[in-house]
Protein backbone atom coordinates (compact mmCIF):
# COMPACT_ATOMS: atom_id res chain seq x y z
CA MET A 1 -21.67 10.88 -21.50
CA ASN A 2 -19.14 12.36 -23.89
CA ASP A 3 -15.73 12.11 -22.18
CA LYS A 4 -14.11 14.47 -24.67
CA LYS A 5 -16.34 17.26 -23.46
CA PHE A 6 -14.59 17.09 -20.13
CA ASN A 7 -11.13 16.38 -21.58
CA ILE A 8 -10.68 13.13 -19.64
CA SER A 9 -7.45 11.36 -20.58
CA ASN A 10 -8.11 8.40 -22.86
CA THR A 11 -4.88 6.78 -21.68
CA TYR A 12 -6.48 6.09 -18.33
CA HIS A 13 -9.58 4.49 -19.79
CA ALA A 14 -8.01 1.07 -19.20
CA LEU A 15 -8.84 1.43 -15.52
CA SER A 16 -12.41 0.42 -16.33
CA LEU A 17 -11.01 -3.06 -16.88
CA LEU A 18 -8.58 -3.00 -13.97
CA ILE A 19 -11.29 -2.13 -11.46
CA LEU A 20 -13.13 -5.30 -12.41
CA CYS A 21 -10.20 -7.56 -11.60
CA SER A 22 -7.60 -7.94 -8.89
CA SER A 23 -4.46 -7.26 -10.93
CA GLU A 24 -2.24 -4.38 -9.85
CA LEU A 25 0.33 -4.40 -12.62
CA TRP A 26 -0.08 -0.71 -13.48
CA ALA A 27 2.46 0.82 -15.82
CA GLY A 28 4.22 4.08 -15.28
CA ASN A 29 7.98 4.51 -15.57
CA VAL A 30 9.39 6.69 -12.83
CA PRO A 31 12.98 7.97 -12.87
CA THR A 32 14.91 7.01 -9.74
CA SER A 33 17.44 9.09 -7.83
CA GLU A 34 21.18 8.58 -8.04
CA LEU A 35 22.18 6.40 -5.11
CA SER A 36 24.95 3.87 -4.60
CA THR A 37 24.47 0.20 -5.41
CA SER A 38 22.38 -1.76 -2.93
CA ALA A 39 24.17 -3.78 -0.30
CA LEU A 40 23.15 -7.41 -0.07
CA LEU A 41 20.95 -8.33 2.88
CA PRO A 42 20.83 -12.00 3.79
CA GLN A 43 17.75 -13.52 2.22
CA GLN A 44 16.79 -15.33 5.44
CA PHE A 45 16.43 -11.95 7.20
CA LEU A 46 13.25 -11.44 5.19
CA MET A 47 12.21 -14.79 3.80
CA GLY A 48 13.43 -17.68 5.90
CA GLY A 49 11.68 -19.37 8.71
CA SER A 50 9.29 -21.82 10.19
CA ILE A 51 6.29 -19.64 11.02
CA SER A 52 2.92 -19.19 9.35
CA VAL A 53 -0.21 -17.06 9.76
CA ALA A 54 -3.59 -18.63 10.56
CA ILE A 55 -6.98 -16.88 10.49
CA LYS A 56 -10.00 -17.84 12.58
CA ASN A 57 -13.44 -16.26 12.35
CA GLU A 58 -12.11 -14.00 9.53
CA THR A 59 -10.66 -11.29 11.80
CA ASN A 60 -8.67 -13.22 14.43
CA PHE A 61 -5.07 -13.71 13.33
CA PHE A 62 -2.65 -16.21 14.85
CA LEU A 63 1.07 -16.74 14.46
CA LYS A 64 1.93 -20.44 14.26
CA SER A 65 5.19 -22.36 14.36
CA ASN A 66 5.75 -25.05 11.78
CA GLY A 67 7.64 -28.28 12.28
CA THR A 68 9.51 -29.44 15.35
CA TYR A 69 9.87 -27.14 18.32
CA ASP A 70 13.47 -26.08 18.98
CA LEU A 71 15.36 -23.05 20.27
CA SER A 72 15.80 -21.59 16.78
CA GLY A 73 12.07 -21.81 16.10
CA GLU A 74 11.27 -20.19 19.44
CA MET A 75 13.65 -17.30 18.75
CA GLU A 76 12.14 -16.68 15.32
CA PHE A 77 8.65 -16.75 16.81
CA LEU A 78 9.56 -14.26 19.54
CA GLU A 79 11.33 -11.98 17.05
CA GLU A 80 8.15 -11.76 14.95
CA ILE A 81 6.09 -10.96 18.06
CA GLU A 82 8.50 -8.11 18.81
CA ALA A 83 8.28 -6.91 15.21
CA LEU A 84 4.49 -6.75 15.49
CA LYS A 85 4.84 -4.65 18.66
CA LYS A 86 7.27 -2.30 16.93
CA TRP A 87 4.77 -1.89 14.08
CA ALA A 88 2.32 -0.39 16.60
CA GLU A 89 5.09 1.75 18.11
CA SER A 90 5.92 3.12 14.65
CA ARG A 91 2.34 4.48 14.52
CA GLY A 92 2.82 6.31 17.83
CA GLU A 93 1.18 3.71 20.07
CA ALA A 94 2.34 1.93 23.19
CA SER A 95 2.93 -1.72 22.42
CA SER A 96 1.58 -4.68 24.33
CA SER A 97 3.72 -6.18 27.10
CA ASP A 98 2.37 -9.68 26.44
CA VAL A 99 4.94 -12.42 26.02
CA PRO A 100 3.91 -15.87 24.76
CA HIS A 101 4.85 -18.82 26.94
CA PHE A 102 6.16 -21.97 25.35
CA SER A 103 5.53 -25.44 26.70
CA GLY A 104 7.85 -27.37 24.43
CA SER A 105 5.01 -28.42 22.16
CA PRO A 106 5.93 -29.12 18.52
CA SER A 107 3.30 -26.61 17.47
CA ILE A 108 3.01 -23.09 18.92
CA GLU A 109 0.01 -20.87 18.25
CA TYR A 110 -0.41 -17.31 19.53
CA GLU A 111 -3.11 -14.76 18.69
CA ILE A 112 -1.58 -11.53 17.37
CA SER A 113 -4.64 -9.40 16.51
CA HIS A 114 -4.32 -7.36 19.71
CA LEU A 115 -0.78 -6.34 18.69
CA PHE A 116 -1.89 -4.50 15.53
CA PRO A 117 -2.05 -0.66 15.53
CA SER A 118 -5.46 0.43 16.82
CA HIS A 119 -6.60 2.01 13.51
CA VAL A 120 -5.59 -1.16 11.62
CA ARG A 121 -7.12 -3.71 14.01
CA PRO A 122 -10.80 -3.22 13.00
CA VAL A 123 -9.99 -3.39 9.29
CA VAL A 124 -7.67 -6.38 8.96
CA GLY A 125 -9.66 -9.44 7.91
CA THR A 126 -12.50 -7.39 6.40
CA THR A 127 -13.17 -6.44 2.78
CA PRO A 128 -13.89 -2.95 1.39
CA PRO A 129 -17.50 -2.02 0.64
CA ARG A 130 -16.89 -1.61 -3.10
CA PRO A 131 -14.22 -2.19 -5.78
CA GLY A 132 -11.41 0.34 -5.96
CA PRO A 133 -9.56 0.48 -2.61
CA ASN A 134 -6.25 -1.19 -3.37
CA CYS A 135 -2.83 -2.04 -1.96
CA PHE A 136 -1.45 1.49 -2.33
CA ASN A 137 -4.44 2.92 -0.50
CA TRP A 138 -4.12 0.40 2.33
CA ALA A 139 -0.40 1.04 2.88
CA LEU A 140 -0.97 4.82 3.00
CA MET A 141 -3.90 4.35 5.39
CA ASP A 142 -1.75 2.19 7.66
CA ALA A 143 0.92 4.92 7.74
CA LYS A 144 -1.79 7.52 8.54
CA ILE A 145 -1.07 9.41 5.31
CA LEU A 146 -4.60 8.77 4.00
CA ASP A 147 -7.67 8.29 6.18
CA GLY A 148 -10.22 6.72 3.85
CA GLN A 149 -10.76 3.81 1.48
CA ARG A 150 -10.45 4.76 -2.18
CA LEU A 151 -8.53 3.97 -5.31
CA VAL A 152 -4.93 5.23 -5.29
CA SER A 153 -3.14 5.36 -8.63
CA PRO A 154 0.51 4.25 -8.94
CA GLU A 155 1.38 7.88 -9.70
CA GLU A 156 -0.17 9.06 -6.44
CA TRP A 157 1.53 6.21 -4.58
CA THR A 158 4.98 7.11 -5.92
CA ALA A 159 4.47 10.83 -5.24
CA SER A 160 3.21 10.14 -1.71
CA LEU A 161 6.33 8.11 -0.89
CA GLN A 162 8.51 10.95 -2.18
CA LEU A 163 6.58 13.57 -0.22
CA TYR A 164 5.83 11.87 3.09
CA CYS A 165 8.61 9.31 3.52
CA LYS A 166 12.37 8.75 3.46
CA PRO A 167 13.82 5.78 1.55
CA ARG A 168 15.87 3.27 3.52
CA LEU A 169 19.47 3.35 2.26
CA VAL A 170 20.33 -0.33 2.40
CA SER A 171 23.78 0.29 0.93
CA GLN A 172 24.57 2.52 3.91
CA GLY A 173 23.64 -0.08 6.48
CA GLU A 174 19.95 0.73 6.99
CA ARG A 175 17.61 -2.21 7.34
CA PRO A 176 13.85 -2.30 6.92
CA GLU A 177 12.02 -1.58 10.17
CA PRO A 178 8.52 -2.69 11.24
CA GLY A 179 6.00 -0.17 9.91
CA ASP A 180 8.03 0.75 6.82
CA LEU A 181 6.09 0.99 3.59
CA MET A 182 7.21 -1.48 0.92
CA ALA A 183 7.21 -0.60 -2.77
CA MET A 184 7.44 -3.71 -4.95
CA ARG A 185 8.58 -2.73 -8.42
CA PHE A 186 9.48 -4.14 -11.83
CA SER A 187 12.77 -3.00 -13.33
CA GLU A 188 12.39 -1.18 -16.64
CA GLY A 189 16.13 -0.50 -17.02
CA ASN A 190 17.91 2.85 -17.04
CA ASN A 191 16.94 3.46 -13.38
CA THR A 192 13.22 3.39 -14.13
CA PHE A 193 10.57 1.09 -12.75
CA THR A 194 6.92 0.12 -12.82
CA GLU A 195 4.97 -0.02 -9.56
CA ILE A 196 3.66 -3.53 -8.82
CA HIS A 197 2.42 -3.60 -5.25
CA GLY A 198 2.48 -1.69 -1.99
CA ALA A 199 2.42 -3.21 1.50
CA VAL A 200 3.52 -2.61 5.09
CA PHE A 201 6.66 -4.38 6.28
CA ILE A 202 6.51 -6.04 9.70
CA GLY A 203 9.19 -8.74 9.64
CA LYS A 204 8.58 -12.22 8.29
CA THR A 205 5.01 -10.98 7.86
CA VAL A 206 3.49 -8.01 6.02
CA SER A 207 0.18 -6.13 6.08
CA THR A 208 -1.34 -6.17 2.60
CA LYS A 209 -4.37 -5.95 0.37
CA ASN A 210 -3.91 -7.89 -2.85
CA GLY A 211 -5.90 -6.26 -5.61
CA LEU A 212 -8.72 -3.84 -6.38
CA SER A 213 -11.59 -6.25 -5.89
CA GLU A 214 -13.99 -5.85 -2.98
CA SER A 215 -13.66 -9.62 -2.45
CA GLN A 216 -9.97 -9.27 -1.53
CA PRO A 217 -9.57 -8.76 2.25
CA TYR A 218 -7.07 -6.67 4.16
CA GLN A 219 -4.74 -9.26 5.66
CA ILE A 220 -1.54 -10.23 7.41
CA SER A 221 0.48 -12.55 5.18
CA LEU A 222 3.94 -14.06 5.09
CA PHE A 223 6.45 -11.88 3.27
CA SER A 224 7.46 -14.92 1.24
CA SER A 225 3.89 -15.50 0.03
CA VAL A 226 3.41 -11.91 -1.12
CA ALA A 227 6.81 -11.83 -2.82
CA ALA A 228 5.92 -15.02 -4.70
CA LEU A 229 2.45 -13.72 -5.63
CA TYR A 230 3.94 -10.64 -7.29
CA ASN A 231 6.94 -12.47 -8.79
CA ILE A 232 9.56 -10.51 -6.88
CA ASP A 233 13.12 -11.48 -7.75
CA GLN A 234 14.55 -13.37 -4.76
CA THR A 235 18.18 -13.24 -5.79
CA ASP A 236 20.64 -11.34 -3.59
CA GLY A 237 19.99 -7.63 -3.19
CA CYS A 238 16.52 -7.59 -4.74
CA LEU A 239 14.29 -8.20 -1.71
CA ALA A 240 15.77 -5.13 -0.02
CA ALA A 241 17.23 -2.64 -2.48
CA ASP A 242 18.16 1.02 -2.75
CA LEU A 243 16.37 3.14 -5.33
CA ASP A 244 19.43 2.55 -7.49
CA TYR A 245 18.59 -1.15 -7.54
CA PRO A 246 21.07 -3.88 -8.59
CA LYS A 247 21.08 -4.24 -12.34
CA HIS A 248 20.47 -8.01 -12.19
CA CYS A 249 17.12 -7.55 -10.42
CA LEU A 250 14.13 -8.09 -12.70
CA SER A 251 11.98 -6.88 -9.81
CA PHE A 252 12.85 -5.54 -6.38
CA VAL A 253 11.57 -4.03 -3.13
CA ASN A 254 12.27 -0.53 -1.76
CA TYR A 255 11.47 0.42 1.83
CA TYR A 256 10.33 3.80 3.15
CA ASP A 257 10.40 5.23 6.66
CA CYS A 258 7.21 7.30 6.88
CA ASN A 259 7.77 8.87 10.29
CA ARG A 260 5.98 12.23 10.46
CA LYS A 261 9.28 14.09 10.83
CA HIS A 262 10.14 13.26 7.19
CA ARG A 263 6.98 14.80 5.71
CA VAL A 264 7.42 17.76 3.41
CA LYS A 265 5.07 20.67 4.01
CA ASN A 266 5.04 24.09 2.41
CA GLY A 267 2.64 26.64 0.97
CA ASP A 268 1.80 24.49 -2.05
CA PHE A 269 1.08 21.52 0.20
CA ASP A 270 -1.26 23.65 2.31
CA LYS A 271 -2.97 24.91 -0.85
CA LEU A 272 -3.58 21.36 -2.11
CA LYS A 273 -4.87 20.19 1.28
CA ALA A 274 -7.20 23.20 1.57
CA PHE A 275 -8.62 22.47 -1.88
CA LEU A 276 -9.26 18.79 -1.05
CA ASP A 277 -10.85 19.75 2.28
CA SER A 278 -13.13 22.23 0.50
CA THR A 279 -14.43 19.47 -1.80
CA ASN A 280 -14.97 17.07 1.11
CA ILE A 281 -13.47 14.52 -1.26
CA GLN A 282 -13.22 11.59 1.15
CA LYS A 283 -16.89 11.77 2.13
CA PHE A 284 -17.66 12.00 -1.57
CA MET A 285 -15.67 8.81 -2.28
CA ASN A 286 -17.21 6.96 0.68
CA SER A 287 -20.70 7.59 -0.71
CA ALA A 288 -19.88 5.92 -4.02
CA GLY A 289 -22.14 2.95 -3.39
CA GLU A 290 -25.33 4.96 -2.79
CA SER A 291 -27.74 4.23 -5.60
CA GLY A 292 -29.73 6.91 -7.35
CA LYS A 293 -27.06 9.62 -7.07
CA LEU A 294 -24.37 8.28 -9.37
CA PRO A 295 -24.95 10.48 -12.44
CA ALA A 296 -24.81 13.62 -10.29
CA ARG A 297 -21.68 12.41 -8.50
CA PHE A 298 -20.10 11.61 -11.87
CA GLU A 299 -20.65 15.22 -12.95
CA ASP A 300 -19.41 16.54 -9.60
CA LEU A 301 -16.22 14.49 -9.75
CA VAL A 302 -15.51 15.68 -13.30
CA LYS A 303 -15.72 19.26 -12.02
CA ILE A 304 -13.43 18.49 -9.07
CA ILE A 305 -10.84 16.95 -11.41
CA ALA A 306 -11.01 19.98 -13.72
CA ARG A 307 -10.49 22.37 -10.81
CA LEU A 308 -7.69 20.21 -9.38
CA ARG A 309 -5.86 20.27 -12.71
CA LEU A 310 -6.06 24.06 -12.80
CA LEU A 311 -4.77 24.48 -9.24
CA ARG A 312 -1.51 26.43 -9.51
CA ILE A 313 1.29 24.39 -7.92
CA ASN A 314 4.97 25.30 -8.23
CA ASP A 315 6.70 22.77 -5.99
CA PRO A 316 7.51 19.71 -8.18
CA LEU A 317 6.85 17.17 -5.41
CA ILE A 318 3.43 18.64 -4.64
CA LYS A 319 2.68 18.88 -8.35
CA ASN A 320 3.48 15.16 -8.76
CA LEU A 321 1.12 14.38 -5.88
CA ARG A 322 -1.60 16.53 -7.43
CA ASP A 323 -1.19 14.81 -10.80
CA GLY A 324 -1.26 11.40 -9.13
CA MET A 325 -4.51 12.29 -7.40
CA VAL A 326 -5.99 13.29 -10.75
CA GLN A 327 -5.22 9.80 -12.03
CA SER A 328 -6.78 8.25 -8.91
CA PHE A 329 -9.98 10.25 -9.33
CA LEU A 330 -10.14 9.39 -13.03
CA GLY A 331 -10.18 5.76 -11.92
CA HIS A 332 -13.22 6.53 -9.76
CA LEU A 333 -14.97 7.98 -12.80
CA GLU A 334 -14.68 4.58 -14.43
CA TYR A 335 -16.16 2.96 -11.34
CA PHE A 336 -19.06 5.43 -11.32
CA ARG A 337 -19.59 4.75 -15.01
CA CYS A 338 -19.86 1.00 -14.37
CA GLU A 339 -22.26 1.57 -11.47
CA SER A 340 -24.41 3.93 -13.51
CA TYR A 341 -24.59 1.41 -16.33
CA GLY A 342 -25.64 -1.27 -13.84
CA LEU A 343 -28.41 0.96 -12.52
CA LEU A 344 -29.69 1.55 -16.05
CA LEU A 345 -29.82 -2.21 -16.65
CA GLU A 346 -31.71 -2.74 -13.39
CA GLY A 347 -34.14 0.13 -14.00
């Protein structure tokens, strides 16, 4: 197929390689807002501790204590249990009243799967049916901003946070709360950044999907492990920063409260939603793995992208979201191209 015929951006062609690996280091400098310098949160608030996460039978998650049992370890354990309950509450659900009982054993183990939000519980521990669904998609699904598994570009991720969420102002005394979306970012200087990874903050643990690959599961991991995996700067002020991040941070984490009351809606938003509903785009994406229909779906998606680009949007936030979605759907074109090529080789 001749891409130029459909005016598909060549700059996004690199996604054909990204979809085949688990890296999420996607470039895209985004100007940040003018906010005061980040206050310094104690590192142990996010990173310290003597707990770990264990998985049994792939989908049963347990919180475990490490080392010798003592009062400090018990308090940390109980605090994380409460954080998991608040995660469910942040999604509008009643939390469990269960309280673990300690016997003084050096090792404590408590199953936490039942504490997850109900829409998250069946997914955590599983893998997506195809390559593409990534960390940004998972975080937005958790927050009930998106309702289906698909590729989400860094541009759509950034625009969604601006449109649906409110940044936590650490310098003004706000702290991350369970259920907040986490944006892990590389500093590019001059108040710009590159998106690295998106996840859901719980406490000492996070809900995450690490990479685009269908072999990477949705999981609950220690905050410290995810921060190390993505090389997040662990010096003061970087693990919890304002948008105007400390200048010494090579990388940093911003937090967003995505309570429904913060979501921007206007005529342009309604117009974009109506267009997406008319294309039945999520059902279209979910059918990506059906063989025999890929060339037709490729053509259909090209047409959807062309129409989406022509949709008249005046509000800058909604326009950014629209443009981010275009980039996401261009990524799916690359996936369809790979699948179509595979079918030709098989046939």
